[in-house]
C-alpha atoms as a PDB file:
ATOM      1  CA  UNK A   1       3.277 -23.413   8.695  1.00  0.00           C
ATOM      2  CA  UNK A   2       0.991 -24.828   6.002  1.00  0.00           C
ATOM      3  CA  UNK A   3      -2.603 -23.613   6.030  1.00  0.00           C
ATOM      4  CA  UNK A   4      -5.035 -26.516   5.582  1.00  0.00           C
ATOM      5  CA  UNK A   5      -8.057 -26.196   3.337  1.00  0.00           C
ATOM      6  CA  UNK A   6     -10.480 -26.119   6.272  1.00  0.00           C
ATOM      7  CA  UNK A   7      -8.599 -23.162   7.779  1.00  0.00           C
ATOM      8  CA  UNK A   8      -8.051 -21.293   4.520  1.00  0.00           C
ATOM      9  CA  UNK A   9      -9.104 -17.707   5.057  1.00  0.00           C
ATOM     10  CA  UNK A  10      -8.892 -18.109   8.843  1.00  0.00           C
ATOM     11  CA  UNK A  11      -5.102 -17.940   9.147  1.00  0.00           C
ATOM     12  CA  UNK A  12      -2.693 -15.558   7.426  1.00  0.00           C
ATOM     13  CA  UNK A  13       0.874 -14.337   7.649  1.00  0.00           C
ATOM     14  CA  UNK A  14       1.477 -10.816   8.914  1.00  0.00           C
ATOM     15  CA  UNK A  15       4.098  -8.571  10.410  1.00  0.00           C
ATOM     16  CA  UNK A  16       3.193  -7.135  13.814  1.00  0.00           C
ATOM     17  CA  UNK A  17       0.031  -4.984  13.591  1.00  0.00           C
ATOM     18  CA  UNK A  18       0.638  -1.284  14.115  1.00  0.00           C
ATOM     19  CA  UNK A  19      -1.876   0.431  16.373  1.00  0.00           C
ATOM     20  CA  UNK A  20      -2.229   4.215  16.766  1.00  0.00           C
ATOM     21  CA  UNK A  21      -1.190   4.954  13.171  1.00  0.00           C
ATOM     22  CA  UNK A  22      -2.189   8.349  11.755  1.00  0.00           C
ATOM     23  CA  UNK A  23      -0.464   8.142   8.347  1.00  0.00           C
ATOM     24  CA  UNK A  24      -2.487   5.464   6.580  1.00  0.00           C
ATOM     25  CA  UNK A  25      -5.985   6.903   6.239  1.00  0.00           C
ATOM     26  CA  UNK A  26      -8.354   9.051   8.246  1.00  0.00           C
ATOM     27  CA  UNK A  27      -8.121   9.242  12.034  1.00  0.00           C
ATOM     28  CA  UNK A  28      -6.305   6.813  14.332  1.00  0.00           C
ATOM     29  CA  UNK A  29      -5.919   3.433  12.669  1.00  0.00           C
ATOM     30  CA  UNK A  30      -4.589  -0.072  13.055  1.00  0.00           C
ATOM     31  CA  UNK A  31      -2.426  -1.111  10.112  1.00  0.00           C
ATOM     32  CA  UNK A  32      -2.366  -4.806   9.228  1.00  0.00           C
ATOM     33  CA  UNK A  33       0.790  -5.661   7.277  1.00  0.00           C
ATOM     34  CA  UNK A  34       0.058  -8.810   5.277  1.00  0.00           C
ATOM     35  CA  UNK A  35       3.150 -10.651   4.064  1.00  0.00           C
ATOM     36  CA  UNK A  36       4.020 -11.429   0.473  1.00  0.00           C
ATOM     37  CA  UNK A  37       4.585  -9.101  -2.486  1.00  0.00           C
ATOM     38  CA  UNK A  38       4.847  -9.643  -6.257  1.00  0.00           C
ATOM     39  CA  UNK A  39       7.206  -6.647  -6.651  1.00  0.00           C
ATOM     40  CA  UNK A  40      10.824  -6.347  -5.588  1.00  0.00           C
ATOM     41  CA  UNK A  41      11.262  -2.587  -5.313  1.00  0.00           C
ATOM     42  CA  UNK A  42      14.931  -1.803  -4.782  1.00  0.00           C
ATOM     43  CA  UNK A  43      14.092   0.727  -2.039  1.00  0.00           C
ATOM     44  CA  UNK A  44      11.528  -1.392  -0.150  1.00  0.00           C
ATOM     45  CA  UNK A  45      11.195  -0.487   3.548  1.00  0.00           C
ATOM     46  CA  UNK A  46       9.524  -3.811   4.401  1.00  0.00           C
ATOM     47  CA  UNK A  47      11.797  -6.515   2.915  1.00  0.00           C
ATOM     48  CA  UNK A  48      10.534  -9.021   5.474  1.00  0.00           C
ATOM     49  CA  UNK A  49       7.268  -9.008   3.538  1.00  0.00           C
ATOM     50  CA  UNK A  50       8.772 -10.413   0.337  1.00  0.00           C
ATOM     51  CA  UNK A  51       7.550 -13.927   1.119  1.00  0.00           C
ATOM     52  CA  UNK A  52       4.702 -15.517   3.066  1.00  0.00           C
ATOM     53  CA  UNK A  53       6.932 -17.194   5.636  1.00  0.00           C
ATOM     54  CA  UNK A  54       7.687 -16.971   9.349  1.00  0.00           C
ATOM     55  CA  UNK A  55      11.305 -18.098   8.965  1.00  0.00           C
ATOM     56  CA  UNK A  56      12.724 -14.596   9.385  1.00  0.00           C
ATOM     57  CA  UNK A  57      10.973 -14.068  12.765  1.00  0.00           C
ATOM     58  CA  UNK A  58       9.558 -10.724  11.563  1.00  0.00           C
ATOM     59  CA  UNK A  59       6.486 -12.431  10.114  1.00  0.00           C
ATOM     60  CA  UNK A  60       4.219 -14.922  11.835  1.00  0.00           C
ATOM     61  CA  UNK A  61       0.875 -16.632  11.426  1.00  0.00           C
ATOM     62  CA  UNK A  62      -2.193 -14.870  12.820  1.00  0.00           C
ATOM     63  CA  UNK A  63      -5.720 -16.190  13.092  1.00  0.00           C
ATOM     64  CA  UNK A  64      -8.712 -14.059  12.157  1.00  0.00           C
ATOM     65  CA  UNK A  65      -9.899 -14.348  15.752  1.00  0.00           C
ATOM     66  CA  UNK A  66      -6.560 -13.039  17.072  1.00  0.00           C
ATOM     67  CA  UNK A  67      -6.641 -10.033  14.748  1.00  0.00           C
ATOM     68  CA  UNK A  68     -10.242  -9.225  15.628  1.00  0.00           C
ATOM     69  CA  UNK A  69      -9.459  -9.320  19.357  1.00  0.00           C
ATOM     70  CA  UNK A  70      -6.668  -6.780  18.867  1.00  0.00           C
ATOM     71  CA  UNK A  71      -8.936  -4.518  16.844  1.00  0.00           C
ATOM     72  CA  UNK A  72     -11.717  -4.748  19.402  1.00  0.00           C
ATOM     73  CA  UNK A  73      -9.353  -3.282  22.018  1.00  0.00           C
ATOM     74  CA  UNK A  74      -8.799  -0.218  19.800  1.00  0.00           C
ATOM     75  CA  UNK A  75     -12.462   0.586  19.075  1.00  0.00           C
ATOM     76  CA  UNK A  76     -12.593   3.655  21.268  1.00  0.00           C
ATOM     77  CA  UNK A  77      -9.745   5.276  19.307  1.00  0.00           C
ATOM     78  CA  UNK A  78     -11.473   4.651  15.970  1.00  0.00           C
ATOM     79  CA  UNK A  79     -14.777   5.942  17.270  1.00  0.00           C
ATOM     80  CA  UNK A  80     -13.514   9.299  18.520  1.00  0.00           C
ATOM     81  CA  UNK A  81     -11.025   9.982  15.702  1.00  0.00           C
ATOM     82  CA  UNK A  82     -12.949   8.747  12.681  1.00  0.00           C
ATOM     83  CA  UNK A  83     -10.307   6.064  12.174  1.00  0.00           C
ATOM     84  CA  UNK A  84     -10.354   2.379  11.412  1.00  0.00           C
ATOM     85  CA  UNK A  85      -8.288  -0.397   9.873  1.00  0.00           C
ATOM     86  CA  UNK A  86      -5.845  -0.226   6.972  1.00  0.00           C
ATOM     87  CA  UNK A  87      -4.704  -3.340   5.118  1.00  0.00           C
ATOM     88  CA  UNK A  88      -1.102  -2.979   3.974  1.00  0.00           C
ATOM     89  CA  UNK A  89       1.921  -5.123   3.331  1.00  0.00           C
ATOM     90  CA  UNK A  90       3.681  -6.411   1.398  1.00  0.00           C
ATOM     91  CA  UNK A  91       0.734  -6.702  -0.907  1.00  0.00           C
ATOM     92  CA  UNK A  92      -2.491  -7.598   0.970  1.00  0.00           C
ATOM     93  CA  UNK A  93      -4.240  -9.066  -2.093  1.00  0.00           C
ATOM     94  CA  UNK A  94      -1.693 -11.910  -2.295  1.00  0.00           C
ATOM     95  CA  UNK A  95      -3.412 -13.488   0.730  1.00  0.00           C
ATOM     96  CA  UNK A  96      -6.839 -12.987  -0.758  1.00  0.00           C
ATOM     97  CA  UNK A  97      -8.717 -15.602   1.301  1.00  0.00           C
ATOM     98  CA  UNK A  98      -7.448 -14.142   4.564  1.00  0.00           C
ATOM     99  CA  UNK A  99      -8.038 -10.562   3.375  1.00  0.00           C
ATOM    100  CA  UNK A 100     -11.541 -11.441   2.196  1.00  0.00           C
ATOM    101  CA  UNK A 101     -12.516 -13.082   5.489  1.00  0.00           C
ATOM    102  CA  UNK A 102     -11.111 -10.291   7.638  1.00  0.00           C
ATOM    103  CA  UNK A 103     -12.474  -7.420   5.555  1.00  0.00           C
ATOM    104  CA  UNK A 104     -15.932  -8.974   5.363  1.00  0.00           C
ATOM    105  CA  UNK A 105     -16.174  -9.348   9.145  1.00  0.00           C
ATOM    106  CA  UNK A 106     -14.849  -5.848   9.788  1.00  0.00           C
ATOM    107  CA  UNK A 107     -17.044  -4.294   7.093  1.00  0.00           C
ATOM    108  CA  UNK A 108     -20.149  -6.006   8.495  1.00  0.00           C
ATOM    109  CA  UNK A 109     -19.233  -4.678  11.954  1.00  0.00           C
ATOM    110  CA  UNK A 110     -19.142  -1.127  10.613  1.00  0.00           C
ATOM    111  CA  UNK A 111     -15.413  -0.416  10.738  1.00  0.00           C
ATOM    112  CA  UNK A 112     -13.888   2.093   8.346  1.00  0.00           C
ATOM    113  CA  UNK A 113     -11.535   0.180   6.035  1.00  0.00           C
ATOM    114  CA  UNK A 114      -8.660   1.287   3.823  1.00  0.00           C
ATOM    115  CA  UNK A 115      -6.066  -0.525   1.740  1.00  0.00           C
ATOM    116  CA  UNK A 116      -2.521   0.195   0.592  1.00  0.00           C
ATOM    117  CA  UNK A 117      -1.687  -1.767  -2.554  1.00  0.00           C
ATOM    118  CA  UNK A 118       0.954  -1.899  -5.265  1.00  0.00           C
ATOM    119  CA  UNK A 119      -1.911  -2.441  -7.710  1.00  0.00           C
ATOM    120  CA  UNK A 120      -0.489  -5.682  -9.131  1.00  0.00           C
ATOM    121  CA  UNK A 121      -3.402  -8.134  -8.844  1.00  0.00           C
ATOM    122  CA  UNK A 122      -6.214  -9.841 -10.752  1.00  0.00           C
ATOM    123  CA  UNK A 123      -8.953  -7.212 -10.651  1.00  0.00           C
ATOM    124  CA  UNK A 124     -11.891  -9.571 -11.160  1.00  0.00           C
ATOM    125  CA  UNK A 125     -10.795 -11.691  -8.193  1.00  0.00           C
ATOM    126  CA  UNK A 126     -10.209  -8.703  -5.908  1.00  0.00           C
ATOM    127  CA  UNK A 127     -12.927  -6.199  -6.820  1.00  0.00           C
ATOM    128  CA  UNK A 128     -15.466  -7.445  -4.243  1.00  0.00           C
ATOM    129  CA  UNK A 129     -12.906  -6.722  -1.508  1.00  0.00           C
ATOM    130  CA  UNK A 130     -12.037  -3.310  -2.972  1.00  0.00           C
ATOM    131  CA  UNK A 131     -15.693  -2.299  -2.766  1.00  0.00           C
ATOM    132  CA  UNK A 132     -15.557  -2.647   1.029  1.00  0.00           C
ATOM    133  CA  UNK A 133     -12.844  -0.010   1.272  1.00  0.00           C
ATOM    134  CA  UNK A 134     -13.503   3.600   2.212  1.00  0.00           C
ATOM    135  CA  UNK A 135     -10.124   4.542   0.742  1.00  0.00           C
ATOM    136  CA  UNK A 136      -7.637   2.776  -1.535  1.00  0.00           C
ATOM    137  CA  UNK A 137      -4.015   3.920  -1.799  1.00  0.00           C
ATOM    138  CA  UNK A 138      -2.403   2.668  -5.021  1.00  0.00           C
ATOM    139  CA  UNK A 139       1.257   3.205  -5.854  1.00  0.00           C
ATOM    140  CA  UNK A 140       2.515   4.304  -9.226  1.00  0.00           C
ATOM    141  CA  UNK A 141       6.263   3.969  -8.843  1.00  0.00           C
ATOM    142  CA  UNK A 142       7.180   4.964 -12.389  1.00  0.00           C
ATOM    143  CA  UNK A 143       5.235   5.724 -15.568  1.00  0.00           C
ATOM    144  CA  UNK A 144       7.930   4.430 -17.925  1.00  0.00           C
ATOM    145  CA  UNK A 145       7.434   0.687 -18.390  1.00  0.00           C
ATOM    146  CA  UNK A 146      11.082  -0.258 -18.843  1.00  0.00           C
ATOM    147  CA  UNK A 147      12.193   1.711 -15.809  1.00  0.00           C
ATOM    148  CA  UNK A 148       9.375   0.212 -13.749  1.00  0.00           C
ATOM    149  CA  UNK A 149      10.549  -3.274 -14.707  1.00  0.00           C
ATOM    150  CA  UNK A 150      14.146  -2.401 -13.838  1.00  0.00           C
ATOM    151  CA  UNK A 151      13.381  -0.992 -10.393  1.00  0.00           C
ATOM    152  CA  UNK A 152      10.503  -3.263  -9.284  1.00  0.00           C
ATOM    153  CA  UNK A 153      10.942  -6.493 -11.251  1.00  0.00           C
ATOM    154  CA  UNK A 154       7.473  -6.239 -12.812  1.00  0.00           C
ATOM    155  CA  UNK A 155       5.736  -4.474 -15.686  1.00  0.00           C
ATOM    156  CA  UNK A 156       3.392  -1.623 -14.756  1.00  0.00           C
ATOM    157  CA  UNK A 157       0.736  -2.521 -17.368  1.00  0.00           C
ATOM    158  CA  UNK A 158      -1.446  -4.469 -14.911  1.00  0.00           C
ATOM    159  CA  UNK A 159      -1.148  -1.670 -12.343  1.00  0.00           C
ATOM    160  CA  UNK A 160      -2.244   0.968 -14.850  1.00  0.00           C
ATOM    161  CA  UNK A 161      -5.121  -1.178 -16.059  1.00  0.00           C
ATOM    162  CA  UNK A 162      -6.322  -1.804 -12.501  1.00  0.00           C
ATOM    163  CA  UNK A 163      -6.318   1.926 -11.766  1.00  0.00           C
ATOM    164  CA  UNK A 164      -8.404   2.476 -14.899  1.00  0.00           C
ATOM    165  CA  UNK A 165     -10.875  -0.164 -13.700  1.00  0.00           C
ATOM    166  CA  UNK A 166     -11.051   1.365 -10.226  1.00  0.00           C
ATOM    167  CA  UNK A 167     -11.810   4.675 -11.879  1.00  0.00           C
ATOM    168  CA  UNK A 168     -14.587   3.107 -13.951  1.00  0.00           C
ATOM    169  CA  UNK A 169     -16.038   1.573 -10.773  1.00  0.00           C
ATOM    170  CA  UNK A 170     -15.833   4.977  -9.028  1.00  0.00           C
ATOM    171  CA  UNK A 171     -13.788   3.573  -6.163  1.00  0.00           C
ATOM    172  CA  UNK A 172     -12.203   6.063  -3.713  1.00  0.00           C
ATOM    173  CA  UNK A 173      -8.573   6.059  -4.881  1.00  0.00           C
ATOM    174  CA  UNK A 174      -5.484   8.046  -3.911  1.00  0.00           C
ATOM    175  CA  UNK A 175      -2.465   7.437  -6.131  1.00  0.00           C
ATOM    176  CA  UNK A 176       0.771   7.537  -4.182  1.00  0.00           C
ATOM    177  CA  UNK A 177       4.308   8.046  -5.423  1.00  0.00           C
ATOM    178  CA  UNK A 178       7.334   7.267  -3.240  1.00  0.00           C
ATOM    179  CA  UNK A 179       9.511  10.093  -4.577  1.00  0.00           C
ATOM    180  CA  UNK A 180      13.158   9.040  -4.873  1.00  0.00           C
ATOM    181  CA  UNK A 181      16.075  11.018  -6.262  1.00  0.00           C
ATOM    182  CA  UNK A 182      17.866   8.879  -8.805  1.00  0.00           C
ATOM    183  CA  UNK A 183      14.723   6.877  -9.624  1.00  0.00           C
ATOM    184  CA  UNK A 184      11.510   8.808 -10.272  1.00  0.00           C
ATOM    185  CA  UNK A 185      11.862  12.334  -8.847  1.00  0.00           C
ATOM    186  CA  UNK A 186      11.781  14.019 -12.256  1.00  0.00           C
ATOM    187  CA  UNK A 187       9.294  16.651 -13.312  1.00  0.00           C
ATOM    188  CA  UNK A 188       8.516  14.599 -16.410  1.00  0.00           C
ATOM    189  CA  UNK A 189       7.614  11.465 -14.433  1.00  0.00           C
ATOM    190  CA  UNK A 190       5.444  13.363 -11.937  1.00  0.00           C
ATOM    191  CA  UNK A 191       3.641  15.293 -14.687  1.00  0.00           C
ATOM    192  CA  UNK A 192       2.961  12.164 -16.740  1.00  0.00           C
ATOM    193  CA  UNK A 193       1.646  10.401 -13.637  1.00  0.00           C
ATOM    194  CA  UNK A 194      -0.656  13.321 -12.836  1.00  0.00           C
ATOM    195  CA  UNK A 195      -1.988  13.346 -16.396  1.00  0.00           C
ATOM    196  CA  UNK A 196      -2.729   9.622 -16.161  1.00  0.00           C
ATOM    197  CA  UNK A 197      -4.503  10.047 -12.815  1.00  0.00           C
ATOM    198  CA  UNK A 198      -6.531  12.995 -14.123  1.00  0.00           C
ATOM    199  CA  UNK A 199      -7.566  11.020 -17.189  1.00  0.00           C
ATOM    200  CA  UNK A 200      -8.758   7.903 -15.385  1.00  0.00           C
ATOM    201  CA  UNK A 201     -10.118   8.950 -11.963  1.00  0.00           C
ATOM    202  CA  UNK A 202     -13.282  10.983 -11.539  1.00  0.00           C
ATOM    203  CA  UNK A 203     -11.992  12.614  -8.333  1.00  0.00           C
ATOM    204  CA  UNK A 204      -8.240  12.536  -8.990  1.00  0.00           C
ATOM    205  CA  UNK A 205      -6.021  12.669  -5.905  1.00  0.00           C
ATOM    206  CA  UNK A 206      -2.304  12.074  -5.423  1.00  0.00           C
ATOM    207  CA  UNK A 207       0.052  11.924  -2.469  1.00  0.00           C
ATOM    208  CA  UNK A 208       3.795  12.417  -2.951  1.00  0.00           C
ATOM    209  CA  UNK A 209       5.850  10.672  -0.281  1.00  0.00           C
ATOM    210  CA  UNK A 210       9.516  11.660   0.114  1.00  0.00           C
ATOM    211  CA  UNK A 211      11.890   8.705   0.209  1.00  0.00           C
ATOM    212  CA  UNK A 212      13.068   7.396   3.592  1.00  0.00           C
ATOM    213  CA  UNK A 213      15.353   4.622   4.874  1.00  0.00           C
ATOM    214  CA  UNK A 214      13.387   3.627   7.969  1.00  0.00           C
ATOM    215  CA  UNK A 215      13.623  -0.042   6.994  1.00  0.00           C
ATOM    216  CA  UNK A 216      17.433  -0.027   6.908  1.00  0.00           C
ATOM    217  CA  UNK A 217      17.853  -2.135  10.059  1.00  0.00           C
ATOM    218  CA  UNK A 218      15.727  -4.903   8.551  1.00  0.00           C
ATOM    219  CA  UNK A 219      18.249  -5.448   5.765  1.00  0.00           C
ATOM    220  CA  UNK A 220      20.904  -6.026   8.418  1.00  0.00           C
ATOM    221  CA  UNK A 221      18.683  -8.435  10.318  1.00  0.00           C
ATOM    222  CA  UNK A 222      17.776 -10.373   7.167  1.00  0.00           C
ATOM    223  CA  UNK A 223      21.325 -10.182   5.763  1.00  0.00           C
ATOM    224  CA  UNK A 224      20.049  -8.665   2.510  1.00  0.00           C
ATOM    225  CA  UNK A 225      21.989  -6.531   0.069  1.00  0.00           C
ATOM    226  CA  UNK A 226      21.245  -2.821   0.426  1.00  0.00           C
ATOM    227  CA  UNK A 227      20.475  -1.999  -3.201  1.00  0.00           C
ATOM    228  CA  UNK A 228      19.115   1.444  -2.322  1.00  0.00           C
ATOM    229  CA  UNK A 229      22.243   3.148  -1.003  1.00  0.00           C
ATOM    230  CA  UNK A 230      22.638   5.408  -4.048  1.00  0.00           C
ATOM    231  CA  UNK A 231      19.129   6.848  -3.665  1.00  0.00           C
ATOM    232  CA  UNK A 232      18.395  10.136  -1.907  1.00  0.00           C
ATOM    233  CA  UNK A 233      15.484  11.962  -0.337  1.00  0.00           C
ATOM    234  CA  UNK A 234      14.355  14.984  -2.394  1.00  0.00           C
ATOM    235  CA  UNK A 235      14.722  18.400  -0.788  1.00  0.00           C
ATOM    236  CA  UNK A 236      11.650  20.128   0.614  1.00  0.00           C
ATOM    237  CA  UNK A 237      11.899  22.680  -2.197  1.00  0.00           C
ATOM    238  CA  UNK A 238      11.933  19.884  -4.784  1.00  0.00           C
ATOM    239  CA  UNK A 239       8.900  18.222  -3.192  1.00  0.00           C
ATOM    240  CA  UNK A 240       7.015  21.539  -3.245  1.00  0.00           C
ATOM    241  CA  UNK A 241       7.847  21.979  -6.928  1.00  0.00           C
ATOM    242  CA  UNK A 242       6.637  18.476  -7.779  1.00  0.00           C
ATOM    243  CA  UNK A 243       3.398  18.969  -5.825  1.00  0.00           C
ATOM    244  CA  UNK A 244       2.810  22.191  -7.763  1.00  0.00           C
ATOM    245  CA  UNK A 245       3.132  20.220 -11.004  1.00  0.00           C
ATOM    246  CA  UNK A 246       0.449  17.801  -9.823  1.00  0.00           C
ATOM    247  CA  UNK A 247      -1.855  20.709  -9.007  1.00  0.00           C
ATOM    248  CA  UNK A 248      -1.178  22.313 -12.387  1.00  0.00           C
ATOM    249  CA  UNK A 249      -2.481  19.138 -14.042  1.00  0.00           C
ATOM    250  CA  UNK A 250      -5.805  19.420 -12.209  1.00  0.00           C
ATOM    251  CA  UNK A 251      -5.127  16.750  -9.581  1.00  0.00           C
ATOM    252  CA  UNK A 252      -5.704  17.362  -5.876  1.00  0.00           C
ATOM    253  CA  UNK A 253      -2.626  16.896  -3.694  1.00  0.00           C
ATOM    254  CA  UNK A 254      -3.414  15.213  -0.376  1.00  0.00           C
ATOM    255  CA  UNK A 255      -1.220  14.290   2.581  1.00  0.00           C
ATOM    256  CA  UNK A 256      -1.637  11.731   5.361  1.00  0.00           C
ATOM    257  CA  UNK A 257       1.798  12.356   6.908  1.00  0.00           C
END
């Protein structure tokens, strides 16, 4: 499906919205998974989001009106739980017109908004949308630039710079790390990340997320190579030790699991 100019911002590609989520912000939320991502993380749990296309039958076109109707049905859950809507992906900023239109309407209607982002975007083009968010989750996969390029396909320089800018703009940011044995689950990487977060955010917060393979079945469906098979989930004891390192560096550890 090609979006015409007159409908730009009114139609976007998404995976199926997830209602009743409690892991992606405060309260009960609806998560909107916008398709498309500039990164190619080797452990990605949402490989169907790599491109803005409905050819794989896991992504389809949604109109703004259709999304708003779904959200309207969930209002009672947001109201009594302090929840709202979380934009996720993929990378939601890749469909900026659609994200802008949706977030503006929802913001004007008083919904609590959050965003999950890889941080790889043009800050000047996106900052007006970021300012509508009550909470922004930004991933730092790896602090080392070469390793980040190896495991995600992109440099982390833009991501780091965008986090600095969000800190300067006093935006409500939580830095997330998907913690993966064999990739980034080292004390050195976690400590360096915490130091960076402490240095650039006024109210520094981090969430450490243990690796999972919940997207495994999607690789079978899409006939994609499983490049993550050598990775492992850290033990609970290891996760506790890494969280203690974050705290030692003066950063608050939060959890939405």
